[in-house]
Amino acid sequence: MSDGEELRVDPGVLRGAAGGFRGASTDIAGLGVDVPLGDAAAGMPSLATGNACRSAQTSMADQMKAAADDSREFAESLDKAAAGYETTDRAAEHTIRSNPLAN
C-alpha cells in the first residue's frame, strides 16, 4: 500500500478467514501423521529402525502440534483485528454523530 491509498477492511471477511484457520487447526491436530511411525516402531522395538521411528514419531507429533497452534493463534489475531476495526469504526461514528454540524 502506498501513501495516499485508503485501507478498507471488512471485519466479516477477517472473521471468515479466522474461521478457516480455526478449522485448519482442528484438521491439522487430528491428522495423526505420527501414528504410522508409532505402529512401525512397535513392530520392531529392539531394532535401531524402531528407535528411529519412535524419534520421528515424536518429532512429527511436535511439528503437527506447532502447526495447529500457529493456525489457531493466527485465527485469534484475525478475530482481534476484526474487533479492533469495529471498535474504531463505532468510536468514529459516535464522534461524527455527536458533532453539532452533523445534525
C-alpha atoms as a PDB file:
ATOM      1  CA  MET A   1       0.000   0.000   0.000  1.00  0.00           C
ATOM      2  CA  SER A   2       1.474   3.355  -0.987  1.00  0.00           C
ATOM      3  CA  ASP A   3       0.974   6.744   0.597  1.00  0.00           C
ATOM      4  CA  GLY A   4      -2.439   8.197  -0.055  1.00  0.00           C
ATOM      5  CA  GLU A   5      -4.160   4.861  -0.574  1.00  0.00           C
ATOM      6  CA  GLU A   6      -7.153   4.183   1.608  1.00  0.00           C
ATOM      7  CA  LEU A   7      -7.175   0.979   3.610  1.00  0.00           C
ATOM      8  CA  ARG A   8     -10.566  -0.703   3.565  1.00  0.00           C
ATOM      9  CA  VAL A   9     -11.171  -3.587   5.906  1.00  0.00           C
ATOM     10  CA  ASP A  10     -14.207  -5.837   6.075  1.00  0.00           C
ATOM     11  CA  PRO A  11     -14.342  -7.305   9.599  1.00  0.00           C
ATOM     12  CA  GLY A  12     -16.671 -10.040   8.350  1.00  0.00           C
ATOM     13  CA  VAL A  13     -14.034 -11.196   5.881  1.00  0.00           C
ATOM     14  CA  LEU A  14     -11.448 -11.222   8.674  1.00  0.00           C
ATOM     15  CA  ARG A  15     -13.775 -13.305  10.833  1.00  0.00           C
ATOM     16  CA  GLY A  16     -14.421 -15.681   7.940  1.00  0.00           C
ATOM     17  CA  ALA A  17     -10.695 -16.152   7.452  1.00  0.00           C
ATOM     18  CA  ALA A  18     -10.318 -16.701  11.195  1.00  0.00           C
ATOM     19  CA  GLY A  19     -12.905 -19.470  10.985  1.00  0.00           C
ATOM     20  CA  GLY A  20     -10.938 -21.076   8.177  1.00  0.00           C
ATOM     21  CA  PHE A  21      -7.739 -21.013  10.207  1.00  0.00           C
ATOM     22  CA  ARG A  22      -9.551 -22.421  13.256  1.00  0.00           C
ATOM     23  CA  GLY A  23     -10.846 -25.249  11.069  1.00  0.00           C
ATOM     24  CA  ALA A  24      -7.367 -25.860   9.703  1.00  0.00           C
ATOM     25  CA  SER A  25      -6.022 -26.003  13.247  1.00  0.00           C
ATOM     26  CA  THR A  26      -8.555 -28.669  14.167  1.00  0.00           C
ATOM     27  CA  ASP A  27      -7.843 -30.610  10.974  1.00  0.00           C
ATOM     28  CA  ILE A  28      -4.070 -30.478  11.481  1.00  0.00           C
ATOM     29  CA  ALA A  29      -4.397 -31.575  15.107  1.00  0.00           C
ATOM     30  CA  GLY A  30      -6.496 -34.551  14.031  1.00  0.00           C
ATOM     31  CA  LEU A  31      -4.284 -35.795  11.214  1.00  0.00           C
ATOM     32  CA  GLY A  32      -2.384 -38.278  13.354  1.00  0.00           C
ATOM     33  CA  VAL A  33       0.549 -38.367  10.952  1.00  0.00           C
ATOM     34  CA  ASP A  34       2.723 -39.712  13.758  1.00  0.00           C
ATOM     35  CA  VAL A  35       0.571 -42.820  14.327  1.00  0.00           C
ATOM     36  CA  PRO A  36       2.037 -44.952  11.494  1.00  0.00           C
ATOM     37  CA  LEU A  37       5.520 -44.249  12.819  1.00  0.00           C
ATOM     38  CA  GLY A  38       4.470 -45.470  16.260  1.00  0.00           C
ATOM     39  CA  ASP A  39       2.933 -48.564  14.709  1.00  0.00           C
ATOM     40  CA  ALA A  40       6.148 -49.240  12.815  1.00  0.00           C
ATOM     41  CA  ALA A  41       8.231 -48.757  15.960  1.00  0.00           C
ATOM     42  CA  ALA A  42       6.016 -51.198  17.862  1.00  0.00           C
ATOM     43  CA  GLY A  43       6.727 -53.857  15.247  1.00  0.00           C
ATOM     44  CA  MET A  44      10.475 -53.694  15.769  1.00  0.00           C
ATOM     45  CA  PRO A  45      11.063 -52.442  19.325  1.00  0.00           C
ATOM     46  CA  SER A  46      14.612 -53.751  19.722  1.00  0.00           C
ATOM     47  CA  LEU A  47      15.953 -52.599  16.353  1.00  0.00           C
ATOM     48  CA  ALA A  48      17.597 -49.284  15.571  1.00  0.00           C
ATOM     49  CA  THR A  49      14.869 -48.758  12.973  1.00  0.00           C
ATOM     50  CA  GLY A  50      12.272 -48.949  15.756  1.00  0.00           C
ATOM     51  CA  ASN A  51      14.160 -46.310  17.723  1.00  0.00           C
ATOM     52  CA  ALA A  52      14.361 -44.112  14.629  1.00  0.00           C
ATOM     53  CA  CYS A  53      10.617 -44.495  14.078  1.00  0.00           C
ATOM     54  CA  ARG A  54       9.896 -43.512  17.700  1.00  0.00           C
ATOM     55  CA  SER A  55      12.138 -40.467  17.356  1.00  0.00           C
ATOM     56  CA  ALA A  56      10.478 -39.478  14.086  1.00  0.00           C
ATOM     57  CA  GLN A  57       7.054 -40.054  15.676  1.00  0.00           C
ATOM     58  CA  THR A  58       7.864 -37.608  18.474  1.00  0.00           C
ATOM     59  CA  SER A  59       9.224 -35.061  16.018  1.00  0.00           C
ATOM     60  CA  MET A  60       6.181 -35.305  13.739  1.00  0.00           C
ATOM     61  CA  ALA A  61       3.775 -35.022  16.673  1.00  0.00           C
ATOM     62  CA  ASP A  62       5.617 -31.918  17.901  1.00  0.00           C
ATOM     63  CA  GLN A  63       5.590 -30.340  14.430  1.00  0.00           C
ATOM     64  CA  MET A  64       1.879 -31.008  13.907  1.00  0.00           C
ATOM     65  CA  LYS A  65       1.062 -29.551  17.329  1.00  0.00           C
ATOM     66  CA  ALA A  66       3.122 -26.450  16.498  1.00  0.00           C
ATOM     67  CA  ALA A  67       1.375 -26.051  13.129  1.00  0.00           C
ATOM     68  CA  ALA A  68      -2.065 -26.444  14.729  1.00  0.00           C
ATOM     69  CA  ASP A  69      -1.149 -23.955  17.470  1.00  0.00           C
ATOM     70  CA  ASP A  70       0.149 -21.432  14.916  1.00  0.00           C
ATOM     71  CA  SER A  71      -3.042 -21.698  12.885  1.00  0.00           C
ATOM     72  CA  ARG A  72      -5.205 -21.246  15.993  1.00  0.00           C
ATOM     73  CA  GLU A  73      -3.146 -18.236  17.143  1.00  0.00           C
ATOM     74  CA  PHE A  74      -3.451 -16.623  13.711  1.00  0.00           C
ATOM     75  CA  ALA A  75      -7.229 -17.119  13.855  1.00  0.00           C
ATOM     76  CA  GLU A  76      -7.262 -15.360  17.225  1.00  0.00           C
ATOM     77  CA  SER A  77      -5.243 -12.473  15.750  1.00  0.00           C
ATOM     78  CA  LEU A  78      -7.700 -12.108  12.877  1.00  0.00           C
ATOM     79  CA  ASP A  79     -10.634 -12.067  15.317  1.00  0.00           C
ATOM     80  CA  LYS A  80      -8.898  -9.410  17.432  1.00  0.00           C
ATOM     81  CA  ALA A  81      -8.191  -7.319  14.334  1.00  0.00           C
ATOM     82  CA  ALA A  82     -11.846  -7.516  13.266  1.00  0.00           C
ATOM     83  CA  ALA A  83     -12.989  -6.448  16.726  1.00  0.00           C
ATOM     84  CA  GLY A  84     -10.468  -3.609  16.732  1.00  0.00           C
ATOM     85  CA  TYR A  85     -11.662  -2.266  13.387  1.00  0.00           C
ATOM     86  CA  GLU A  86     -15.281  -2.422  14.535  1.00  0.00           C
ATOM     87  CA  THR A  87     -14.469  -0.617  17.788  1.00  0.00           C
ATOM     88  CA  THR A  88     -12.607   2.110  15.909  1.00  0.00           C
ATOM     89  CA  ASP A  89     -15.450   2.496  13.412  1.00  0.00           C
ATOM     90  CA  ARG A  90     -18.048   2.791  16.194  1.00  0.00           C
ATOM     91  CA  ALA A  91     -15.955   5.398  18.006  1.00  0.00           C
ATOM     92  CA  ALA A  92     -15.537   7.420  14.810  1.00  0.00           C
ATOM     93  CA  GLU A  93     -19.258   7.184  14.092  1.00  0.00           C
ATOM     94  CA  HIS A  94     -20.042   8.397  17.614  1.00  0.00           C
ATOM     95  CA  THR A  95     -17.649  11.322  17.227  1.00  0.00           C
ATOM     96  CA  ILE A  96     -19.192  12.333  13.917  1.00  0.00           C
ATOM     97  CA  ARG A  97     -22.789  11.969  15.120  1.00  0.00           C
ATOM     98  CA  SER A  98     -22.108  13.944  18.285  1.00  0.00           C
ATOM     99  CA  ASN A  99     -20.775  16.896  16.306  1.00  0.00           C
ATOM    100  CA  PRO A 100     -23.461  19.603  16.109  1.00  0.00           C
ATOM    101  CA  LEU A 101     -22.655  20.198  12.445  1.00  0.00           C
ATOM    102  CA  ALA A 102     -23.632  16.609  11.632  1.00  0.00           C
ATOM    103  CA  ASN A 103     -27.194  17.109  12.847  1.00  0.00           C
END
